[in-house]
Amino acid sequence: GELPFDQLLIASGGKSILPGIFTPHSRKVTGLRTKADADFILSKLPTTKEAILIGAGLLGIETANALLSRGIPVTVLEYFDRLLPRQLDSEAASVLKKALEKRGLRFLLPTEVRTLQEQENALEMELKDGSTLSGNLVIVAAGIRPNTSFIQNNEIEVKKGIVVNSRMETNVKGIFAAGDCAEYGERVYGIWPAAKDQGELSALSILGEAKVYEGTLPSAKLKVAGIEML
């Protein structure tokens, strides 16, 4: 049906990016974005002998460490040449890598998956350098994609996300967007602090207050016991 409105806020969030080589319906591959994703991973742990993490960002490292703490060997693949490529320079990333390797994590970087074959009990990957790797569970932590597919046949501008101005308003007057679905300054933040800032400011804009969003300073903390990185 249809609902009339005076002001509209779109806060449709985002979803995990699964590279095209991974079939979404595979029962051995998942992102980690929702409770359903977490429940799926937990259900697979009793039969998982080897796990593979795609992405050495914050979520990938923390998830790999959590699996390792449950006694599951983990290999982390990263497209870039260092861990936490959005947060750390090469020197700091090297220090972190050595500390995590002492815990038992294995890293392959820079690398990417070239081909993928699904076997009965495992996924077998051929990497860019020609080497192969197999695992019972593959978790992809390679960023998010804004949920915007429902915006069709209208005037709302969508690029990477729903494009907004400094009031969190789209190009259509009275329609706002905030959080992981929004693109401000050609950037989709995809982090909680930005979603919180944008949500608060969009509410003020809807109420008519002249507040201006100037972006969010990204800040993050790696939650791995014994390793403090801010």
C-alpha atoms as a PDB file:
ATOM      1  CA  GLY A   1       0.000   0.000   0.000  1.00  0.00           C
ATOM      2  CA  GLU A   2       0.915   3.656   0.235  1.00  0.00           C
ATOM      3  CA  LEU A   3       1.622   5.870   3.238  1.00  0.00           C
ATOM      4  CA  PRO A   4       1.611   9.675   3.016  1.00  0.00           C
ATOM      5  CA  PHE A   5       4.349  11.660   4.776  1.00  0.00           C
ATOM      6  CA  ASP A   6       5.533  15.177   5.431  1.00  0.00           C
ATOM      7  CA  GLN A   7       9.147  14.155   6.125  1.00  0.00           C
ATOM      8  CA  LEU A   8      10.829  10.827   5.451  1.00  0.00           C
ATOM      9  CA  LEU A   9      14.008   9.363   6.948  1.00  0.00           C
ATOM     10  CA  ILE A  10      15.590   6.394   5.178  1.00  0.00           C
ATOM     11  CA  ALA A  11      17.745   4.315   7.524  1.00  0.00           C
ATOM     12  CA  SER A  12      17.846   1.013   5.657  1.00  0.00           C
ATOM     13  CA  GLY A  13      21.358   0.053   6.736  1.00  0.00           C
ATOM     14  CA  GLY A  14      23.820  -2.061   4.782  1.00  0.00           C
ATOM     15  CA  LYS A  15      24.703  -5.678   4.094  1.00  0.00           C
ATOM     16  CA  SER A  16      27.938  -7.631   3.935  1.00  0.00           C
ATOM     17  CA  ILE A  17      29.745  -7.597   0.612  1.00  0.00           C
ATOM     18  CA  LEU A  18      30.231 -11.060  -0.816  1.00  0.00           C
ATOM     19  CA  PRO A  19      32.662 -10.988  -3.763  1.00  0.00           C
ATOM     20  CA  GLY A  20      31.093 -12.347  -6.936  1.00  0.00           C
ATOM     21  CA  ILE A  21      33.161 -15.527  -6.772  1.00  0.00           C
ATOM     22  CA  PHE A  22      31.288 -16.608  -3.632  1.00  0.00           C
ATOM     23  CA  THR A  23      27.758 -17.909  -4.169  1.00  0.00           C
ATOM     24  CA  PRO A  24      25.412 -16.459  -1.521  1.00  0.00           C
ATOM     25  CA  HIS A  25      23.513 -19.735  -1.182  1.00  0.00           C
ATOM     26  CA  SER A  26      26.601 -21.751  -0.210  1.00  0.00           C
ATOM     27  CA  ARG A  27      26.193 -23.365   3.205  1.00  0.00           C
ATOM     28  CA  LYS A  28      29.899 -22.899   3.847  1.00  0.00           C
ATOM     29  CA  VAL A  29      30.158 -19.141   3.181  1.00  0.00           C
ATOM     30  CA  THR A  30      28.721 -16.256   5.176  1.00  0.00           C
ATOM     31  CA  GLY A  31      29.237 -12.631   6.032  1.00  0.00           C
ATOM     32  CA  LEU A  32      29.006 -11.407   9.610  1.00  0.00           C
ATOM     33  CA  ARG A  33      26.435  -8.662   9.829  1.00  0.00           C
ATOM     34  CA  THR A  34      23.282  -9.982  11.443  1.00  0.00           C
ATOM     35  CA  LYS A  35      22.281 -12.270  14.291  1.00  0.00           C
ATOM     36  CA  ALA A  36      21.346 -14.843  11.668  1.00  0.00           C
ATOM     37  CA  ASP A  37      24.934 -14.726  10.371  1.00  0.00           C
ATOM     38  CA  ALA A  38      26.295 -15.233  13.892  1.00  0.00           C
ATOM     39  CA  ASP A  39      23.873 -18.105  14.538  1.00  0.00           C
ATOM     40  CA  PHE A  40      24.940 -19.721  11.261  1.00  0.00           C
ATOM     41  CA  ILE A  41      28.611 -19.530  12.266  1.00  0.00           C
ATOM     42  CA  LEU A  42      27.898 -20.989  15.708  1.00  0.00           C
ATOM     43  CA  SER A  43      25.950 -23.851  14.150  1.00  0.00           C
ATOM     44  CA  LYS A  44      28.942 -24.741  11.957  1.00  0.00           C
ATOM     45  CA  LEU A  45      31.609 -24.707  14.673  1.00  0.00           C
ATOM     46  CA  PRO A  46      31.171 -28.322  15.872  1.00  0.00           C
ATOM     47  CA  THR A  47      32.040 -29.643  12.387  1.00  0.00           C
ATOM     48  CA  THR A  48      34.569 -26.965  11.348  1.00  0.00           C
ATOM     49  CA  LYS A  49      38.144 -28.208  11.146  1.00  0.00           C
ATOM     50  CA  GLU A  50      39.605 -25.189   9.318  1.00  0.00           C
ATOM     51  CA  ALA A  51      38.164 -21.678   8.924  1.00  0.00           C
ATOM     52  CA  ILE A  52      39.083 -18.996   6.404  1.00  0.00           C
ATOM     53  CA  LEU A  53      38.508 -15.285   6.951  1.00  0.00           C
ATOM     54  CA  ILE A  54      38.394 -12.971   3.932  1.00  0.00           C
ATOM     55  CA  GLY A  55      39.414  -9.497   5.092  1.00  0.00           C
ATOM     56  CA  ALA A  56      41.950  -8.380   7.711  1.00  0.00           C
ATOM     57  CA  GLY A  57      40.023  -5.397   8.999  1.00  0.00           C
ATOM     58  CA  LEU A  58      38.709  -5.005  12.539  1.00  0.00           C
ATOM     59  CA  LEU A  59      35.797  -7.408  12.106  1.00  0.00           C
ATOM     60  CA  GLY A  60      37.912 -10.027  10.340  1.00  0.00           C
ATOM     61  CA  ILE A  61      40.668 -10.042  12.960  1.00  0.00           C
ATOM     62  CA  GLU A  62      38.265 -10.107  15.904  1.00  0.00           C
ATOM     63  CA  THR A  63      36.246 -12.933  14.350  1.00  0.00           C
ATOM     64  CA  ALA A  64      39.391 -14.905  13.544  1.00  0.00           C
ATOM     65  CA  ASN A  65      40.584 -14.517  17.136  1.00  0.00           C
ATOM     66  CA  ALA A  66      37.183 -15.651  18.450  1.00  0.00           C
ATOM     67  CA  LEU A  67      37.311 -18.790  16.294  1.00  0.00           C
ATOM     68  CA  LEU A  68      40.886 -19.491  17.363  1.00  0.00           C
ATOM     69  CA  SER A  69      39.862 -19.221  21.030  1.00  0.00           C
ATOM     70  CA  ARG A  70      37.423 -22.080  20.338  1.00  0.00           C
ATOM     71  CA  GLY A  71      40.233 -24.247  19.043  1.00  0.00           C
ATOM     72  CA  ILE A  72      39.580 -23.771  15.327  1.00  0.00           C
ATOM     73  CA  PRO A  73      42.627 -23.101  13.073  1.00  0.00           C
ATOM     74  CA  VAL A  74      42.116 -19.897  11.076  1.00  0.00           C
ATOM     75  CA  THR A  75      43.747 -18.442   7.963  1.00  0.00           C
ATOM     76  CA  VAL A  76      43.092 -14.772   7.189  1.00  0.00           C
ATOM     77  CA  LEU A  77      43.313 -13.539   3.583  1.00  0.00           C
ATOM     78  CA  GLU A  78      43.745  -9.842   2.784  1.00  0.00           C
ATOM     79  CA  TYR A  79      43.836  -8.063  -0.572  1.00  0.00           C
ATOM     80  CA  PHE A  80      46.123  -5.293   0.746  1.00  0.00           C
ATOM     81  CA  ASP A  81      49.685  -5.766   1.974  1.00  0.00           C
ATOM     82  CA  ARG A  82      48.986  -5.179   5.677  1.00  0.00           C
ATOM     83  CA  LEU A  83      46.467  -5.735   8.461  1.00  0.00           C
ATOM     84  CA  LEU A  84      43.886  -3.048   9.209  1.00  0.00           C
ATOM     85  CA  PRO A  85      44.719  -1.207   5.957  1.00  0.00           C
ATOM     86  CA  ARG A  86      42.233   1.586   6.762  1.00  0.00           C
ATOM     87  CA  GLN A  87      43.634   2.202  10.249  1.00  0.00           C
ATOM     88  CA  LEU A  88      47.363   1.353  10.352  1.00  0.00           C
ATOM     89  CA  ASP A  89      50.524   2.174   8.452  1.00  0.00           C
ATOM     90  CA  SER A  90      52.913  -0.601   7.444  1.00  0.00           C
ATOM     91  CA  GLU A  91      55.073  -0.406  10.587  1.00  0.00           C
ATOM     92  CA  ALA A  92      52.185  -0.586  13.047  1.00  0.00           C
ATOM     93  CA  ALA A  93      50.495  -3.310  11.005  1.00  0.00           C
ATOM     94  CA  SER A  94      53.690  -5.387  11.120  1.00  0.00           C
ATOM     95  CA  VAL A  95      53.783  -5.165  14.936  1.00  0.00           C
ATOM     96  CA  LEU A  96      50.142  -6.290  15.146  1.00  0.00           C
ATOM     97  CA  LYS A  97      50.684  -9.131  12.682  1.00  0.00           C
ATOM     98  CA  LYS A  98      53.571 -10.559  14.713  1.00  0.00           C
ATOM     99  CA  ALA A  99      51.532 -10.382  17.921  1.00  0.00           C
ATOM    100  CA  LEU A 100      48.579 -12.177  16.338  1.00  0.00           C
ATOM    101  CA  GLU A 101      50.790 -14.804  14.710  1.00  0.00           C
ATOM    102  CA  LYS A 102      52.154 -15.639  18.169  1.00  0.00           C
ATOM    103  CA  ARG A 103      48.578 -16.416  19.152  1.00  0.00           C
ATOM    104  CA  GLY A 104      48.333 -18.901  16.285  1.00  0.00           C
ATOM    105  CA  LEU A 105      46.612 -16.924  13.528  1.00  0.00           C
ATOM    106  CA  ARG A 106      47.881 -17.390   9.984  1.00  0.00           C
ATOM    107  CA  PHE A 107      47.872 -14.539   7.461  1.00  0.00           C
ATOM    108  CA  LEU A 108      48.220 -14.556   3.678  1.00  0.00           C
ATOM    109  CA  LEU A 109      48.696 -11.066   2.255  1.00  0.00           C
ATOM    110  CA  PRO A 110      48.508  -9.496  -0.162  1.00  0.00           C
ATOM    111  CA  THR A 111      46.403 -12.099  -1.914  1.00  0.00           C
ATOM    112  CA  GLU A 112      43.025 -12.730  -3.473  1.00  0.00           C
ATOM    113  CA  VAL A 113      40.931 -15.725  -4.456  1.00  0.00           C
ATOM    114  CA  ARG A 114      41.121 -16.613  -8.150  1.00  0.00           C
ATOM    115  CA  THR A 115      38.857 -19.674  -8.349  1.00  0.00           C
ATOM    116  CA  LEU A 116      36.609 -21.532  -5.956  1.00  0.00           C
ATOM    117  CA  GLN A 117      35.338 -25.095  -5.959  1.00  0.00           C
ATOM    118  CA  GLU A 118      32.782 -26.404  -3.509  1.00  0.00           C
ATOM    119  CA  GLN A 119      33.519 -29.938  -2.369  1.00  0.00           C
ATOM    120  CA  GLU A 120      31.264 -32.087  -0.211  1.00  0.00           C
ATOM    121  CA  ASN A 121      32.995 -31.185   3.049  1.00  0.00           C
ATOM    122  CA  ALA A 122      35.042 -28.104   2.191  1.00  0.00           C
ATOM    123  CA  LEU A 123      35.592 -25.150  -0.091  1.00  0.00           C
ATOM    124  CA  GLU A 124      38.812 -25.284  -2.085  1.00  0.00           C
ATOM    125  CA  MET A 125      40.316 -22.000  -3.238  1.00  0.00           C
ATOM    126  CA  GLU A 126      43.026 -21.246  -5.741  1.00  0.00           C
ATOM    127  CA  LEU A 127      44.812 -18.033  -4.817  1.00  0.00           C
ATOM    128  CA  LYS A 128      46.364 -15.445  -7.092  1.00  0.00           C
ATOM    129  CA  ASP A 129      49.849 -16.941  -6.681  1.00  0.00           C
ATOM    130  CA  GLY A 130      48.614 -20.383  -7.735  1.00  0.00           C
ATOM    131  CA  SER A 131      48.598 -21.895  -4.258  1.00  0.00           C
ATOM    132  CA  THR A 132      45.496 -23.628  -2.886  1.00  0.00           C
ATOM    133  CA  LEU A 133      43.659 -23.398   0.409  1.00  0.00           C
ATOM    134  CA  SER A 134      40.647 -25.247   1.761  1.00  0.00           C
ATOM    135  CA  GLY A 135      38.298 -24.755   4.691  1.00  0.00           C
ATOM    136  CA  ASN A 136      34.978 -25.972   6.071  1.00  0.00           C
ATOM    137  CA  LEU A 137      33.798 -22.456   6.901  1.00  0.00           C
ATOM    138  CA  VAL A 138      34.505 -19.216   5.028  1.00  0.00           C
ATOM    139  CA  ILE A 139      33.594 -15.888   6.611  1.00  0.00           C
ATOM    140  CA  VAL A 140      33.756 -12.769   4.444  1.00  0.00           C
ATOM    141  CA  ALA A 141      34.495  -9.504   6.271  1.00  0.00           C
ATOM    142  CA  ALA A 142      35.233  -7.293   3.282  1.00  0.00           C
ATOM    143  CA  GLY A 143      33.052  -4.283   4.016  1.00  0.00           C
ATOM    144  CA  ILE A 144      29.409  -3.397   3.466  1.00  0.00           C
ATOM    145  CA  ARG A 145      27.109  -2.308   0.657  1.00  0.00           C
ATOM    146  CA  PRO A 146      24.232   0.122   1.393  1.00  0.00           C
ATOM    147  CA  ASN A 147      20.716  -1.280   1.134  1.00  0.00           C
ATOM    148  CA  THR A 148      19.315   0.858  -1.667  1.00  0.00           C
ATOM    149  CA  SER A 149      17.839  -1.648  -4.120  1.00  0.00           C
ATOM    150  CA  PHE A 150      14.287  -0.622  -3.169  1.00  0.00           C
ATOM    151  CA  ILE A 151      14.904   2.920  -4.458  1.00  0.00           C
ATOM    152  CA  GLN A 152      13.772   2.608  -8.057  1.00  0.00           C
ATOM    153  CA  ASN A 153      12.034   4.781 -10.616  1.00  0.00           C
ATOM    154  CA  ASN A 154      12.204   7.969  -8.563  1.00  0.00           C
ATOM    155  CA  GLU A 155      14.342  11.093  -8.282  1.00  0.00           C
ATOM    156  CA  ILE A 156      16.444  10.167  -5.234  1.00  0.00           C
ATOM    157  CA  GLU A 157      20.145  10.259  -6.153  1.00  0.00           C
ATOM    158  CA  VAL A 158      22.026   7.062  -5.393  1.00  0.00           C
ATOM    159  CA  LYS A 159      25.719   6.482  -6.041  1.00  0.00           C
ATOM    160  CA  LYS A 160      27.594   4.256  -3.608  1.00  0.00           C
ATOM    161  CA  GLY A 161      24.817   5.077  -1.144  1.00  0.00           C
ATOM    162  CA  ILE A 162      21.933   7.535  -0.906  1.00  0.00           C
ATOM    163  CA  VAL A 163      23.573  10.915  -1.500  1.00  0.00           C
ATOM    164  CA  VAL A 164      22.896  13.465   1.259  1.00  0.00           C
ATOM    165  CA  ASN A 165      23.961  17.032   2.026  1.00  0.00           C
ATOM    166  CA  SER A 166      25.158  18.544   5.310  1.00  0.00           C
ATOM    167  CA  ARG A 167      21.603  18.388   6.692  1.00  0.00           C
ATOM    168  CA  MET A 168      21.397  14.685   5.799  1.00  0.00           C
ATOM    169  CA  GLU A 169      18.781  15.598   3.190  1.00  0.00           C
ATOM    170  CA  THR A 170      18.698  13.926  -0.207  1.00  0.00           C
ATOM    171  CA  ASN A 171      18.250  15.810  -3.458  1.00  0.00           C
ATOM    172  CA  VAL A 172      14.492  15.416  -2.918  1.00  0.00           C
ATOM    173  CA  LYS A 173      13.193  17.956  -0.406  1.00  0.00           C
ATOM    174  CA  GLY A 174      11.791  16.393   2.746  1.00  0.00           C
ATOM    175  CA  ILE A 175      13.544  13.037   2.269  1.00  0.00           C
ATOM    176  CA  PHE A 176      16.559  12.321   4.477  1.00  0.00           C
ATOM    177  CA  ALA A 177      18.957   9.381   4.864  1.00  0.00           C
ATOM    178  CA  ALA A 178      21.317   8.353   7.654  1.00  0.00           C
ATOM    179  CA  GLY A 179      23.593   5.510   8.675  1.00  0.00           C
ATOM    180  CA  ASP A 180      25.061   2.759   6.539  1.00  0.00           C
ATOM    181  CA  CYS A 181      22.750   3.507   3.607  1.00  0.00           C
ATOM    182  CA  ALA A 182      23.844   7.161   3.351  1.00  0.00           C
ATOM    183  CA  GLU A 183      26.677   8.674   1.314  1.00  0.00           C
ATOM    184  CA  TYR A 184      28.059  12.002   2.510  1.00  0.00           C
ATOM    185  CA  GLY A 185      31.000  13.713   0.821  1.00  0.00           C
ATOM    186  CA  GLU A 186      31.402  10.732  -1.530  1.00  0.00           C
ATOM    187  CA  ARG A 187      31.856   8.463   1.477  1.00  0.00           C
ATOM    188  CA  VAL A 188      29.842   5.656   3.034  1.00  0.00           C
ATOM    189  CA  TYR A 189      31.203   5.382   6.568  1.00  0.00           C
ATOM    190  CA  GLY A 190      29.785   1.997   7.553  1.00  0.00           C
ATOM    191  CA  ILE A 191      30.612   2.468  11.250  1.00  0.00           C
ATOM    192  CA  TRP A 192      28.446   2.951  14.326  1.00  0.00           C
ATOM    193  CA  PRO A 193      29.774   6.412  15.417  1.00  0.00           C
ATOM    194  CA  ALA A 194      28.859   7.888  12.011  1.00  0.00           C
ATOM    195  CA  ALA A 195      25.422   6.258  12.039  1.00  0.00           C
ATOM    196  CA  LYS A 196      24.768   7.715  15.498  1.00  0.00           C
ATOM    197  CA  ASP A 197      25.909  11.215  14.464  1.00  0.00           C
ATOM    198  CA  GLN A 198      23.915  11.130  11.242  1.00  0.00           C
ATOM    199  CA  GLY A 199      20.783   9.799  12.911  1.00  0.00           C
ATOM    200  CA  GLU A 200      20.814  12.532  15.537  1.00  0.00           C
ATOM    201  CA  LEU A 201      21.461  15.289  13.017  1.00  0.00           C
ATOM    202  CA  SER A 202      18.823  14.083  10.565  1.00  0.00           C
ATOM    203  CA  ALA A 203      16.258  14.099  13.384  1.00  0.00           C
ATOM    204  CA  LEU A 204      17.175  17.697  14.213  1.00  0.00           C
ATOM    205  CA  SER A 205      16.926  18.641  10.538  1.00  0.00           C
ATOM    206  CA  ILE A 206      13.460  17.094  10.316  1.00  0.00           C
ATOM    207  CA  LEU A 207      12.468  19.170  13.357  1.00  0.00           C
ATOM    208  CA  GLY A 208      13.704  22.297  11.620  1.00  0.00           C
ATOM    209  CA  GLU A 209      16.896  22.935  13.579  1.00  0.00           C
ATOM    210  CA  ALA A 210      19.763  24.408  11.562  1.00  0.00           C
ATOM    211  CA  LYS A 211      22.483  21.927  12.452  1.00  0.00           C
ATOM    212  CA  VAL A 212      25.236  20.982   9.996  1.00  0.00           C
ATOM    213  CA  TYR A 213      26.945  17.609   9.614  1.00  0.00           C
ATOM    214  CA  GLU A 214      30.660  17.940   8.919  1.00  0.00           C
ATOM    215  CA  GLY A 215      31.547  14.273   8.818  1.00  0.00           C
ATOM    216  CA  THR A 216      32.575  11.877  11.557  1.00  0.00           C
ATOM    217  CA  LEU A 217      36.149  11.352  12.704  1.00  0.00           C
ATOM    218  CA  PRO A 218      36.630   7.589  12.387  1.00  0.00           C
ATOM    219  CA  SER A 219      37.748   5.948  15.609  1.00  0.00           C
ATOM    220  CA  ALA A 220      37.971   2.284  16.433  1.00  0.00           C
ATOM    221  CA  LYS A 221      39.326  -0.120  19.009  1.00  0.00           C
ATOM    222  CA  LEU A 222      40.582  -3.619  18.291  1.00  0.00           C
ATOM    223  CA  LYS A 223      38.918  -5.911  20.819  1.00  0.00           C
ATOM    224  CA  VAL A 224      41.433  -8.733  21.099  1.00  0.00           C
ATOM    225  CA  ALA A 225      42.377  -9.661  24.657  1.00  0.00           C
ATOM    226  CA  GLY A 226      45.915  -8.641  25.538  1.00  0.00           C
ATOM    227  CA  ILE A 227      46.350  -6.391  22.506  1.00  0.00           C
ATOM    228  CA  GLU A 228      45.369  -2.737  22.877  1.00  0.00           C
ATOM    229  CA  MET A 229      45.190  -0.697  19.684  1.00  0.00           C
ATOM    230  CA  LEU A 230      43.163   2.528  19.584  1.00  0.00           C
END
